[in-house]
Amino acid sequence: MFGRKRNAAMALAIPVIVGACQPAVEPPTGAEQVYRDTCLLCHAASGPGASAPDLTTLSAVNGGSFPMAEVIAIIDGRAGVRAHGSPMPVWGARHSDAEIEALADYLATIQQ
């Protein structure tokens, strides 16, 4: 009875409903999401953290140059970090080299 007209009406309504469910702000992807998943708890959303070093001042404390190789070594676990009060987790076992490099690149973008 309702066959074609009902199907046509439903086809028009679905995109409207789906479009209405889209987030207002794009969710983080890639390195920013890795930062949120692995670093945020200790280093806070904008970089400075109460229990760990401020990641927004790495360039400033290194004479204006971002210490990319050192940051990568710390993230992947090749360099120990004593400033955390305890050893920092070894993220090299959880993330690929490409993800760690992308995370370090992201950290370079949040420098003050």
PDB file of N, CA and C in Angstrom:
ATOM      1  N   MET A   1       0.799  -1.180   0.000  1.00  0.00           N
ATOM      2  CA  MET A   1       0.000   0.000   0.000  1.00  0.00           C
ATOM      3  C   MET A   1       0.859   1.268   0.000  1.00  0.00           C
ATOM      4  N   PHE A   2       1.826   1.309   0.919  1.00  0.00           N
ATOM      5  CA  PHE A   2       2.654   2.509   1.035  1.00  0.00           C
ATOM      6  C   PHE A   2       3.917   2.407   0.190  1.00  0.00           C
ATOM      7  N   GLY A   3       4.210   1.270  -0.353  1.00  0.00           N
ATOM      8  CA  GLY A   3       5.374   0.906  -1.131  1.00  0.00           C
ATOM      9  C   GLY A   3       6.278   2.028  -1.598  1.00  0.00           C
ATOM     10  N   ARG A   4       6.054   2.511  -2.810  1.00  0.00           N
ATOM     11  CA  ARG A   4       6.973   3.455  -3.442  1.00  0.00           C
ATOM     12  C   ARG A   4       7.003   4.809  -2.741  1.00  0.00           C
ATOM     13  N   LYS A   5       5.871   5.335  -2.371  1.00  0.00           N
ATOM     14  CA  LYS A   5       5.844   6.648  -1.724  1.00  0.00           C
ATOM     15  C   LYS A   5       6.558   6.609  -0.384  1.00  0.00           C
ATOM     16  N   ARG A   6       6.337   5.562   0.379  1.00  0.00           N
ATOM     17  CA  ARG A   6       6.985   5.445   1.692  1.00  0.00           C
ATOM     18  C   ARG A   6       8.490   5.296   1.525  1.00  0.00           C
ATOM     19  N   ASN A   7       8.938   4.458   0.600  1.00  0.00           N
ATOM     20  CA  ASN A   7      10.367   4.273   0.368  1.00  0.00           C
ATOM     21  C   ASN A   7      11.024   5.571  -0.086  1.00  0.00           C
ATOM     22  N   ALA A   8      10.349   6.323  -0.939  1.00  0.00           N
ATOM     23  CA  ALA A   8      10.895   7.598  -1.404  1.00  0.00           C
ATOM     24  C   ALA A   8      11.009   8.580  -0.249  1.00  0.00           C
ATOM     25  N   ALA A   9       9.996   8.619   0.603  1.00  0.00           N
ATOM     26  CA  ALA A   9      10.026   9.521   1.757  1.00  0.00           C
ATOM     27  C   ALA A   9      11.153   9.133   2.716  1.00  0.00           C
ATOM     28  N   MET A  10      11.335   7.851   2.940  1.00  0.00           N
ATOM     29  CA  MET A  10      12.402   7.386   3.831  1.00  0.00           C
ATOM     30  C   MET A  10      13.770   7.719   3.248  1.00  0.00           C
ATOM     31  N   ALA A  11      13.933   7.557   1.944  1.00  0.00           N
ATOM     32  CA  ALA A  11      15.211   7.857   1.296  1.00  0.00           C
ATOM     33  C   ALA A  11      15.563   9.326   1.466  1.00  0.00           C
ATOM     34  N   LEU A  12      14.585  10.198   1.441  1.00  0.00           N
ATOM     35  CA  LEU A  12      14.833  11.618   1.634  1.00  0.00           C
ATOM     36  C   LEU A  12      15.114  11.956   3.089  1.00  0.00           C
ATOM     37  N   ALA A  13      14.501  11.250   4.013  1.00  0.00           N
ATOM     38  CA  ALA A  13      14.651  11.549   5.433  1.00  0.00           C
ATOM     39  C   ALA A  13      15.986  11.069   5.995  1.00  0.00           C
ATOM     40  N   ILE A  14      16.508   9.988   5.502  1.00  0.00           N
ATOM     41  CA  ILE A  14      17.729   9.415   6.073  1.00  0.00           C
ATOM     42  C   ILE A  14      18.912  10.376   5.988  1.00  0.00           C
ATOM     43  N   PRO A  15      19.225  10.994   4.839  1.00  0.00           N
ATOM     44  CA  PRO A  15      20.365  11.918   4.831  1.00  0.00           C
ATOM     45  C   PRO A  15      20.193  13.091   5.791  1.00  0.00           C
ATOM     46  N   VAL A  16      18.964  13.557   5.949  1.00  0.00           N
ATOM     47  CA  VAL A  16      18.722  14.663   6.865  1.00  0.00           C
ATOM     48  C   VAL A  16      19.037  14.229   8.291  1.00  0.00           C
ATOM     49  N   ILE A  17      18.592  13.057   8.663  1.00  0.00           N
ATOM     50  CA  ILE A  17      18.841  12.554  10.013  1.00  0.00           C
ATOM     51  C   ILE A  17      20.332  12.318  10.214  1.00  0.00           C
ATOM     52  N   VAL A  18      20.998  11.678   9.252  1.00  0.00           N
ATOM     53  CA  VAL A  18      22.423  11.412   9.364  1.00  0.00           C
ATOM     54  C   VAL A  18      23.198  12.710   9.440  1.00  0.00           C
ATOM     55  N   GLY A  19      22.850  13.683   8.586  1.00  0.00           N
ATOM     56  CA  GLY A  19      23.528  14.971   8.601  1.00  0.00           C
ATOM     57  C   GLY A  19      23.375  15.695   9.923  1.00  0.00           C
ATOM     58  N   ALA A  20      22.249  15.513  10.579  1.00  0.00           N
ATOM     59  CA  ALA A  20      21.995  16.181  11.853  1.00  0.00           C
ATOM     60  C   ALA A  20      22.838  15.595  12.974  1.00  0.00           C
ATOM     61  N   CYS A  21      23.344  14.402  12.786  1.00  0.00           N
ATOM     62  CA  CYS A  21      24.123  13.731  13.833  1.00  0.00           C
ATOM     63  C   CYS A  21      25.620  14.017  13.733  1.00  0.00           C
ATOM     64  N   GLN A  22      26.049  14.785  12.772  1.00  0.00           N
ATOM     65  CA  GLN A  22      27.470  15.077  12.611  1.00  0.00           C
ATOM     66  C   GLN A  22      27.950  15.983  13.746  1.00  0.00           C
ATOM     67  N   PRO A  23      29.146  15.723  14.270  1.00  0.00           N
ATOM     68  CA  PRO A  23      29.657  16.575  15.351  1.00  0.00           C
ATOM     69  C   PRO A  23      29.938  17.982  14.854  1.00  0.00           C
ATOM     70  N   ALA A  24      29.780  18.944  15.721  1.00  0.00           N
ATOM     71  CA  ALA A  24      30.026  20.340  15.363  1.00  0.00           C
ATOM     72  C   ALA A  24      31.508  20.602  15.159  1.00  0.00           C
ATOM     73  N   VAL A  25      32.348  19.865  15.869  1.00  0.00           N
ATOM     74  CA  VAL A  25      33.794  20.030  15.771  1.00  0.00           C
ATOM     75  C   VAL A  25      34.377  18.711  15.286  1.00  0.00           C
ATOM     76  N   GLU A  26      35.320  18.798  14.370  1.00  0.00           N
ATOM     77  CA  GLU A  26      35.957  17.586  13.868  1.00  0.00           C
ATOM     78  C   GLU A  26      36.702  16.891  15.002  1.00  0.00           C
ATOM     79  N   PRO A  27      36.534  15.578  15.136  1.00  0.00           N
ATOM     80  CA  PRO A  27      37.260  14.860  16.177  1.00  0.00           C
ATOM     81  C   PRO A  27      38.744  14.798  15.830  1.00  0.00           C
ATOM     82  N   PRO A  28      39.602  14.719  16.834  1.00  0.00           N
ATOM     83  CA  PRO A  28      41.033  14.648  16.555  1.00  0.00           C
ATOM     84  C   PRO A  28      41.373  13.337  15.851  1.00  0.00           C
ATOM     85  N   THR A  29      42.358  13.407  15.012  1.00  0.00           N
ATOM     86  CA  THR A  29      42.801  12.199  14.310  1.00  0.00           C
ATOM     87  C   THR A  29      44.315  12.118  14.378  1.00  0.00           C
ATOM     88  N   GLY A  30      44.846  10.990  14.036  1.00  0.00           N
ATOM     89  CA  GLY A  30      46.285  10.823  13.920  1.00  0.00           C
ATOM     90  C   GLY A  30      47.030  11.113  15.202  1.00  0.00           C
ATOM     91  N   ALA A  31      48.076  11.905  15.061  1.00  0.00           N
ATOM     92  CA  ALA A  31      48.983  12.168  16.178  1.00  0.00           C
ATOM     93  C   ALA A  31      48.298  12.875  17.339  1.00  0.00           C
ATOM     94  N   GLU A  32      47.363  13.768  17.051  1.00  0.00           N
ATOM     95  CA  GLU A  32      46.655  14.455  18.139  1.00  0.00           C
ATOM     96  C   GLU A  32      45.856  13.451  18.966  1.00  0.00           C
ATOM     97  N   GLN A  33      45.256  12.470  18.296  1.00  0.00           N
ATOM     98  CA  GLN A  33      44.508  11.452  19.027  1.00  0.00           C
ATOM     99  C   GLN A  33      45.456  10.561  19.835  1.00  0.00           C
ATOM    100  N   VAL A  34      46.604  10.234  19.278  1.00  0.00           N
ATOM    101  CA  VAL A  34      47.603   9.449  20.025  1.00  0.00           C
ATOM    102  C   VAL A  34      48.014  10.227  21.267  1.00  0.00           C
ATOM    103  N   TYR A  35      48.231  11.548  21.124  1.00  0.00           N
ATOM    104  CA  TYR A  35      48.575  12.388  22.277  1.00  0.00           C
ATOM    105  C   TYR A  35      47.474  12.297  23.332  1.00  0.00           C
ATOM    106  N   ARG A  36      46.227  12.434  22.892  1.00  0.00           N
ATOM    107  CA  ARG A  36      45.112  12.376  23.851  1.00  0.00           C
ATOM    108  C   ARG A  36      45.020  11.019  24.534  1.00  0.00           C
ATOM    109  N   ASP A  37      45.284   9.960  23.777  1.00  0.00           N
ATOM    110  CA  ASP A  37      45.170   8.604  24.320  1.00  0.00           C
ATOM    111  C   ASP A  37      46.314   8.223  25.249  1.00  0.00           C
ATOM    112  N   THR A  38      47.518   8.740  24.992  1.00  0.00           N
ATOM    113  CA  THR A  38      48.686   8.254  25.735  1.00  0.00           C
ATOM    114  C   THR A  38      49.379   9.297  26.607  1.00  0.00           C
ATOM    115  N   CYS A  39      49.247  10.564  26.292  1.00  0.00           N
ATOM    116  CA  CYS A  39      50.019  11.599  26.992  1.00  0.00           C
ATOM    117  C   CYS A  39      49.166  12.511  27.868  1.00  0.00           C
ATOM    118  N   LEU A  40      47.916  12.654  27.489  1.00  0.00           N
ATOM    119  CA  LEU A  40      47.023  13.638  28.108  1.00  0.00           C
ATOM    120  C   LEU A  40      46.893  13.483  29.618  1.00  0.00           C
ATOM    121  N   LEU A  41      46.803  12.281  30.086  1.00  0.00           N
ATOM    122  CA  LEU A  41      46.586  12.065  31.515  1.00  0.00           C
ATOM    123  C   LEU A  41      47.665  12.739  32.350  1.00  0.00           C
ATOM    124  N   CYS A  42      48.900  12.623  31.950  1.00  0.00           N
ATOM    125  CA  CYS A  42      49.999  13.218  32.729  1.00  0.00           C
ATOM    126  C   CYS A  42      50.375  14.627  32.276  1.00  0.00           C
ATOM    127  N   HIS A  43      50.250  14.895  30.987  1.00  0.00           N
ATOM    128  CA  HIS A  43      50.755  16.160  30.450  1.00  0.00           C
ATOM    129  C   HIS A  43      49.674  17.201  30.193  1.00  0.00           C
ATOM    130  N   ALA A  44      48.435  16.885  30.417  1.00  0.00           N
ATOM    131  CA  ALA A  44      47.285  17.792  30.260  1.00  0.00           C
ATOM    132  C   ALA A  44      47.017  18.127  28.797  1.00  0.00           C
ATOM    133  N   ALA A  45      45.839  18.654  28.555  1.00  0.00           N
ATOM    134  CA  ALA A  45      45.366  18.869  27.188  1.00  0.00           C
ATOM    135  C   ALA A  45      46.228  19.825  26.388  1.00  0.00           C
ATOM    136  N   SER A  46      46.705  20.884  26.983  1.00  0.00           N
ATOM    137  CA  SER A  46      47.473  21.867  26.228  1.00  0.00           C
ATOM    138  C   SER A  46      48.971  21.671  26.372  1.00  0.00           C
ATOM    139  N   GLY A  47      49.392  20.651  27.048  1.00  0.00           N
ATOM    140  CA  GLY A  47      50.821  20.388  27.183  1.00  0.00           C
ATOM    141  C   GLY A  47      51.332  20.462  28.600  1.00  0.00           C
ATOM    142  N   PRO A  48      51.092  21.547  29.327  1.00  0.00           N
ATOM    143  CA  PRO A  48      51.625  21.591  30.687  1.00  0.00           C
ATOM    144  C   PRO A  48      50.876  20.628  31.601  1.00  0.00           C
ATOM    145  N   GLY A  49      51.601  19.915  32.410  1.00  0.00           N
ATOM    146  CA  GLY A  49      50.938  18.960  33.286  1.00  0.00           C
ATOM    147  C   GLY A  49      51.375  19.112  34.720  1.00  0.00           C
ATOM    148  N   ALA A  50      50.534  18.693  35.616  1.00  0.00           N
ATOM    149  CA  ALA A  50      50.840  18.786  37.033  1.00  0.00           C
ATOM    150  C   ALA A  50      51.844  17.725  37.460  1.00  0.00           C
ATOM    151  N   SER A  51      51.782  16.556  36.827  1.00  0.00           N
ATOM    152  CA  SER A  51      52.635  15.461  37.281  1.00  0.00           C
ATOM    153  C   SER A  51      53.771  15.141  36.316  1.00  0.00           C
ATOM    154  N   ALA A  52      53.889  15.869  35.226  1.00  0.00           N
ATOM    155  CA  ALA A  52      54.923  15.587  34.229  1.00  0.00           C
ATOM    156  C   ALA A  52      55.373  16.896  33.585  1.00  0.00           C
ATOM    157  N   PRO A  53      56.481  16.863  32.870  1.00  0.00           N
ATOM    158  CA  PRO A  53      57.007  18.093  32.253  1.00  0.00           C
ATOM    159  C   PRO A  53      56.026  18.757  31.294  1.00  0.00           C
ATOM    160  N   ASP A  54      56.177  20.060  31.167  1.00  0.00           N
ATOM    161  CA  ASP A  54      55.380  20.871  30.255  1.00  0.00           C
ATOM    162  C   ASP A  54      55.885  20.624  28.835  1.00  0.00           C
ATOM    163  N   LEU A  55      55.075  20.013  28.009  1.00  0.00           N
ATOM    164  CA  LEU A  55      55.491  19.679  26.655  1.00  0.00           C
ATOM    165  C   LEU A  55      55.399  20.848  25.687  1.00  0.00           C
ATOM    166  N   THR A  56      54.884  21.982  26.134  1.00  0.00           N
ATOM    167  CA  THR A  56      54.794  23.148  25.248  1.00  0.00           C
ATOM    168  C   THR A  56      56.042  24.020  25.313  1.00  0.00           C
ATOM    169  N   THR A  57      56.967  23.699  26.201  1.00  0.00           N
ATOM    170  CA  THR A  57      58.171  24.537  26.356  1.00  0.00           C
ATOM    171  C   THR A  57      59.449  23.799  25.987  1.00  0.00           C
ATOM    172  N   LEU A  58      59.331  22.683  25.302  1.00  0.00           N
ATOM    173  CA  LEU A  58      60.527  21.917  24.952  1.00  0.00           C
ATOM    174  C   LEU A  58      61.480  22.725  24.077  1.00  0.00           C
ATOM    175  N   SER A  59      60.950  23.479  23.130  1.00  0.00           N
ATOM    176  CA  SER A  59      61.807  24.321  22.286  1.00  0.00           C
ATOM    177  C   SER A  59      62.440  25.442  23.103  1.00  0.00           C
ATOM    178  N   ALA A  60      61.644  26.072  23.950  1.00  0.00           N
ATOM    179  CA  ALA A  60      62.144  27.197  24.744  1.00  0.00           C
ATOM    180  C   ALA A  60      63.302  26.783  25.639  1.00  0.00           C
ATOM    181  N   VAL A  61      63.214  25.629  26.271  1.00  0.00           N
ATOM    182  CA  VAL A  61      64.289  25.196  27.174  1.00  0.00           C
ATOM    183  C   VAL A  61      65.469  24.597  26.422  1.00  0.00           C
ATOM    184  N   ASN A  62      65.343  24.494  25.098  1.00  0.00           N
ATOM    185  CA  ASN A  62      66.433  23.991  24.265  1.00  0.00           C
ATOM    186  C   ASN A  62      66.913  25.051  23.279  1.00  0.00           C
ATOM    187  N   GLY A  63      66.937  26.276  23.743  1.00  0.00           N
ATOM    188  CA  GLY A  63      67.480  27.374  22.945  1.00  0.00           C
ATOM    189  C   GLY A  63      66.681  27.704  21.695  1.00  0.00           C
ATOM    190  N   GLY A  64      65.389  27.433  21.713  1.00  0.00           N
ATOM    191  CA  GLY A  64      64.541  27.771  20.571  1.00  0.00           C
ATOM    192  C   GLY A  64      64.463  26.683  19.509  1.00  0.00           C
ATOM    193  N   SER A  65      65.106  25.578  19.747  1.00  0.00           N
ATOM    194  CA  SER A  65      65.093  24.482  18.775  1.00  0.00           C
ATOM    195  C   SER A  65      64.392  23.266  19.372  1.00  0.00           C
ATOM    196  N   PHE A  66      63.433  22.711  18.646  1.00  0.00           N
ATOM    197  CA  PHE A  66      62.717  21.539  19.141  1.00  0.00           C
ATOM    198  C   PHE A  66      63.639  20.320  19.076  1.00  0.00           C
ATOM    199  N   PRO A  67      63.839  19.628  20.193  1.00  0.00           N
ATOM    200  CA  PRO A  67      64.771  18.494  20.239  1.00  0.00           C
ATOM    201  C   PRO A  67      64.141  17.191  19.713  1.00  0.00           C
ATOM    202  N   MET A  68      63.911  17.139  18.412  1.00  0.00           N
ATOM    203  CA  MET A  68      63.159  16.042  17.796  1.00  0.00           C
ATOM    204  C   MET A  68      63.735  14.662  18.142  1.00  0.00           C
ATOM    205  N   ALA A  69      65.024  14.460  17.945  1.00  0.00           N
ATOM    206  CA  ALA A  69      65.618  13.136  18.190  1.00  0.00           C
ATOM    207  C   ALA A  69      65.480  12.734  19.656  1.00  0.00           C
ATOM    208  N   GLU A  70      65.687  13.668  20.562  1.00  0.00           N
ATOM    209  CA  GLU A  70      65.560  13.380  21.990  1.00  0.00           C
ATOM    210  C   GLU A  70      64.117  13.045  22.360  1.00  0.00           C
ATOM    211  N   VAL A  71      63.174  13.784  21.805  1.00  0.00           N
ATOM    212  CA  VAL A  71      61.756  13.549  22.084  1.00  0.00           C
ATOM    213  C   VAL A  71      61.349  12.158  21.593  1.00  0.00           C
ATOM    214  N   ILE A  72      61.773  11.798  20.389  1.00  0.00           N
ATOM    215  CA  ILE A  72      61.456  10.478  19.853  1.00  0.00           C
ATOM    216  C   ILE A  72      62.055   9.388  20.734  1.00  0.00           C
ATOM    217  N   ALA A  73      63.309   9.569  21.175  1.00  0.00           N
ATOM    218  CA  ALA A  73      63.959   8.573  22.031  1.00  0.00           C
ATOM    219  C   ALA A  73      63.247   8.426  23.372  1.00  0.00           C
ATOM    220  N   ILE A  74      62.743   9.522  23.898  1.00  0.00           N
ATOM    221  CA  ILE A  74      62.017   9.468  25.178  1.00  0.00           C
ATOM    222  C   ILE A  74      60.683   8.748  24.995  1.00  0.00           C
ATOM    223  N   ILE A  75      59.961   9.084  23.933  1.00  0.00           N
ATOM    224  CA  ILE A  75      58.655   8.463  23.707  1.00  0.00           C
ATOM    225  C   ILE A  75      58.793   6.965  23.486  1.00  0.00           C
ATOM    226  N   ASP A  76      59.762   6.571  22.662  1.00  0.00           N
ATOM    227  CA  ASP A  76      59.843   5.136  22.338  1.00  0.00           C
ATOM    228  C   ASP A  76      60.558   4.313  23.404  1.00  0.00           C
ATOM    229  N   GLY A  77      61.103   4.993  24.423  1.00  0.00           N
ATOM    230  CA  GLY A  77      61.669   4.267  25.553  1.00  0.00           C
ATOM    231  C   GLY A  77      63.172   4.097  25.529  1.00  0.00           C
ATOM    232  N   ARG A  78      63.862   4.638  24.515  1.00  0.00           N
ATOM    233  CA  ARG A  78      65.323   4.505  24.463  1.00  0.00           C
ATOM    234  C   ARG A  78      66.023   5.413  25.458  1.00  0.00           C
ATOM    235  N   ALA A  79      65.350   6.471  25.894  1.00  0.00           N
ATOM    236  CA  ALA A  79      65.941   7.391  26.863  1.00  0.00           C
ATOM    237  C   ALA A  79      65.043   7.424  28.099  1.00  0.00           C
ATOM    238  N   GLY A  80      65.631   7.216  29.257  1.00  0.00           N
ATOM    239  CA  GLY A  80      64.856   7.264  30.491  1.00  0.00           C
ATOM    240  C   GLY A  80      64.498   8.684  30.867  1.00  0.00           C
ATOM    241  N   VAL A  81      63.368   8.851  31.510  1.00  0.00           N
ATOM    242  CA  VAL A  81      62.927  10.175  31.945  1.00  0.00           C
ATOM    243  C   VAL A  81      62.776  10.141  33.450  1.00  0.00           C
ATOM    244  N   ARG A  82      63.620  10.891  34.140  1.00  0.00           N
ATOM    245  CA  ARG A  82      63.568  10.919  35.595  1.00  0.00           C
ATOM    246  C   ARG A  82      62.646  12.025  36.109  1.00  0.00           C
ATOM    247  N   ALA A  83      62.334  12.997  35.283  1.00  0.00           N
ATOM    248  CA  ALA A  83      61.520  14.132  35.708  1.00  0.00           C
ATOM    249  C   ALA A  83      60.080  13.745  36.000  1.00  0.00           C
ATOM    250  N   HIS A  84      59.661  12.576  35.585  1.00  0.00           N
ATOM    251  CA  HIS A  84      58.297  12.145  35.833  1.00  0.00           C
ATOM    252  C   HIS A  84      58.088  11.693  37.274  1.00  0.00           C
ATOM    253  N   GLY A  85      59.172  11.508  38.018  1.00  0.00           N
ATOM    254  CA  GLY A  85      59.046  10.995  39.374  1.00  0.00           C
ATOM    255  C   GLY A  85      59.101   9.486  39.367  1.00  0.00           C
ATOM    256  N   SER A  86      58.763   8.915  38.264  1.00  0.00           N
ATOM    257  CA  SER A  86      58.900   7.486  38.014  1.00  0.00           C
ATOM    258  C   SER A  86      59.121   7.337  36.514  1.00  0.00           C
ATOM    259  N   PRO A  87      59.559   6.186  36.089  1.00  0.00           N
ATOM    260  CA  PRO A  87      59.827   6.055  34.651  1.00  0.00           C
ATOM    261  C   PRO A  87      58.581   6.310  33.805  1.00  0.00           C
ATOM    262  N   MET A  88      58.785   6.989  32.686  1.00  0.00           N
ATOM    263  CA  MET A  88      57.703   7.209  31.745  1.00  0.00           C
ATOM    264  C   MET A  88      57.395   5.884  31.057  1.00  0.00           C
ATOM    265  N   PRO A  89      56.138   5.635  30.732  1.00  0.00           N
ATOM    266  CA  PRO A  89      55.810   4.401  30.011  1.00  0.00           C
ATOM    267  C   PRO A  89      56.588   4.303  28.699  1.00  0.00           C
ATOM    268  N   VAL A  90      56.913   3.108  28.289  1.00  0.00           N
ATOM    269  CA  VAL A  90      57.619   2.870  27.031  1.00  0.00           C
ATOM    270  C   VAL A  90      56.567   2.726  25.942  1.00  0.00           C
ATOM    271  N   TRP A  91      56.403   3.776  25.154  1.00  0.00           N
ATOM    272  CA  TRP A  91      55.369   3.766  24.125  1.00  0.00           C
ATOM    273  C   TRP A  91      55.847   3.094  22.850  1.00  0.00           C
ATOM    274  N   GLY A  92      57.143   2.843  22.723  1.00  0.00           N
ATOM    275  CA  GLY A  92      57.676   2.186  21.527  1.00  0.00           C
ATOM    276  C   GLY A  92      57.130   0.786  21.337  1.00  0.00           C
ATOM    277  N   ALA A  93      56.739   0.136  22.418  1.00  0.00           N
ATOM    278  CA  ALA A  93      56.173  -1.206  22.305  1.00  0.00           C
ATOM    279  C   ALA A  93      54.711  -1.167  21.858  1.00  0.00           C
ATOM    280  N   ARG A  94      54.068  -0.040  22.026  1.00  0.00           N
ATOM    281  CA  ARG A  94      52.640   0.082  21.692  1.00  0.00           C
ATOM    282  C   ARG A  94      52.410   0.748  20.342  1.00  0.00           C
ATOM    283  N   HIS A  95      53.285   1.666  19.954  1.00  0.00           N
ATOM    284  CA  HIS A  95      53.100   2.448  18.734  1.00  0.00           C
ATOM    285  C   HIS A  95      54.224   2.177  17.742  1.00  0.00           C
ATOM    286  N   SER A  96      53.894   2.287  16.471  1.00  0.00           N
ATOM    287  CA  SER A  96      54.884   2.108  15.410  1.00  0.00           C
ATOM    288  C   SER A  96      55.837   3.293  15.384  1.00  0.00           C
ATOM    289  N   ASP A  97      56.961   3.109  14.689  1.00  0.00           N
ATOM    290  CA  ASP A  97      57.912   4.212  14.536  1.00  0.00           C
ATOM    291  C   ASP A  97      57.238   5.413  13.873  1.00  0.00           C
ATOM    292  N   ALA A  98      56.387   5.153  12.885  1.00  0.00           N
ATOM    293  CA  ALA A  98      55.698   6.247  12.185  1.00  0.00           C
ATOM    294  C   ALA A  98      54.772   7.003  13.123  1.00  0.00           C
ATOM    295  N   GLU A  99      54.071   6.288  14.000  1.00  0.00           N
ATOM    296  CA  GLU A  99      53.184   6.953  14.961  1.00  0.00           C
ATOM    297  C   GLU A  99      53.984   7.792  15.957  1.00  0.00           C
ATOM    298  N   ILE A 100      55.107   7.275  16.402  1.00  0.00           N
ATOM    299  CA  ILE A 100      55.941   8.023  17.350  1.00  0.00           C
ATOM    300  C   ILE A 100      56.516   9.262  16.686  1.00  0.00           C
ATOM    301  N   GLU A 101      56.947   9.151  15.448  1.00  0.00           N
ATOM    302  CA  GLU A 101      57.454  10.325  14.723  1.00  0.00           C
ATOM    303  C   GLU A 101      56.339  11.351  14.517  1.00  0.00           C
ATOM    304  N   ALA A 102      55.138  10.885  14.187  1.00  0.00           N
ATOM    305  CA  ALA A 102      54.001  11.798  14.011  1.00  0.00           C
ATOM    306  C   ALA A 102      53.655  12.484  15.330  1.00  0.00           C
ATOM    307  N   LEU A 103      53.740  11.758  16.432  1.00  0.00           N
ATOM    308  CA  LEU A 103      53.484  12.347  17.742  1.00  0.00           C
ATOM    309  C   LEU A 103      54.521  13.417  18.059  1.00  0.00           C
ATOM    310  N   ALA A 104      55.784  13.129  17.778  1.00  0.00           N
ATOM    311  CA  ALA A 104      56.840  14.125  18.001  1.00  0.00           C
ATOM    312  C   ALA A 104      56.611  15.349  17.117  1.00  0.00           C
ATOM    313  N   ASP A 105      56.198  15.134  15.874  1.00  0.00           N
ATOM    314  CA  ASP A 105      55.869  16.260  14.985  1.00  0.00           C
ATOM    315  C   ASP A 105      54.723  17.082  15.563  1.00  0.00           C
ATOM    316  N   TYR A 106      53.708  16.413  16.119  1.00  0.00           N
ATOM    317  CA  TYR A 106      52.589  17.115  16.749  1.00  0.00           C
ATOM    318  C   TYR A 106      53.080  17.944  17.934  1.00  0.00           C
ATOM    319  N   LEU A 107      53.946  17.364  18.755  1.00  0.00           N
ATOM    320  CA  LEU A 107      54.472  18.103  19.908  1.00  0.00           C
ATOM    321  C   LEU A 107      55.224  19.356  19.441  1.00  0.00           C
ATOM    322  N   ALA A 108      55.892  19.262  18.330  1.00  0.00           N
ATOM    323  CA  ALA A 108      56.600  20.433  17.788  1.00  0.00           C
ATOM    324  C   ALA A 108      55.613  21.555  17.437  1.00  0.00           C
ATOM    325  N   THR A 109      54.382  21.193  17.081  1.00  0.00           N
ATOM    326  CA  THR A 109      53.394  22.219  16.699  1.00  0.00           C
ATOM    327  C   THR A 109      52.761  22.916  17.897  1.00  0.00           C
ATOM    328  N   ILE A 110      52.879  22.361  19.098  1.00  0.00           N
ATOM    329  CA  ILE A 110      52.239  22.984  20.263  1.00  0.00           C
ATOM    330  C   ILE A 110      53.240  23.768  21.111  1.00  0.00           C
ATOM    331  N   GLN A 111      54.412  24.033  20.564  1.00  0.00           N
ATOM    332  CA  GLN A 111      55.424  24.791  21.309  1.00  0.00           C
ATOM    333  C   GLN A 111      55.024  26.250  21.452  1.00  0.00           C
ATOM    334  N   GLN A 112      55.351  26.822  22.619  1.00  0.00           N
ATOM    335  CA  GLN A 112      55.051  28.249  22.870  1.00  0.00           C
ATOM    336  C   GLN A 112      56.277  29.089  22.613  1.00  0.00           C
TER     337      GLN A 112
END
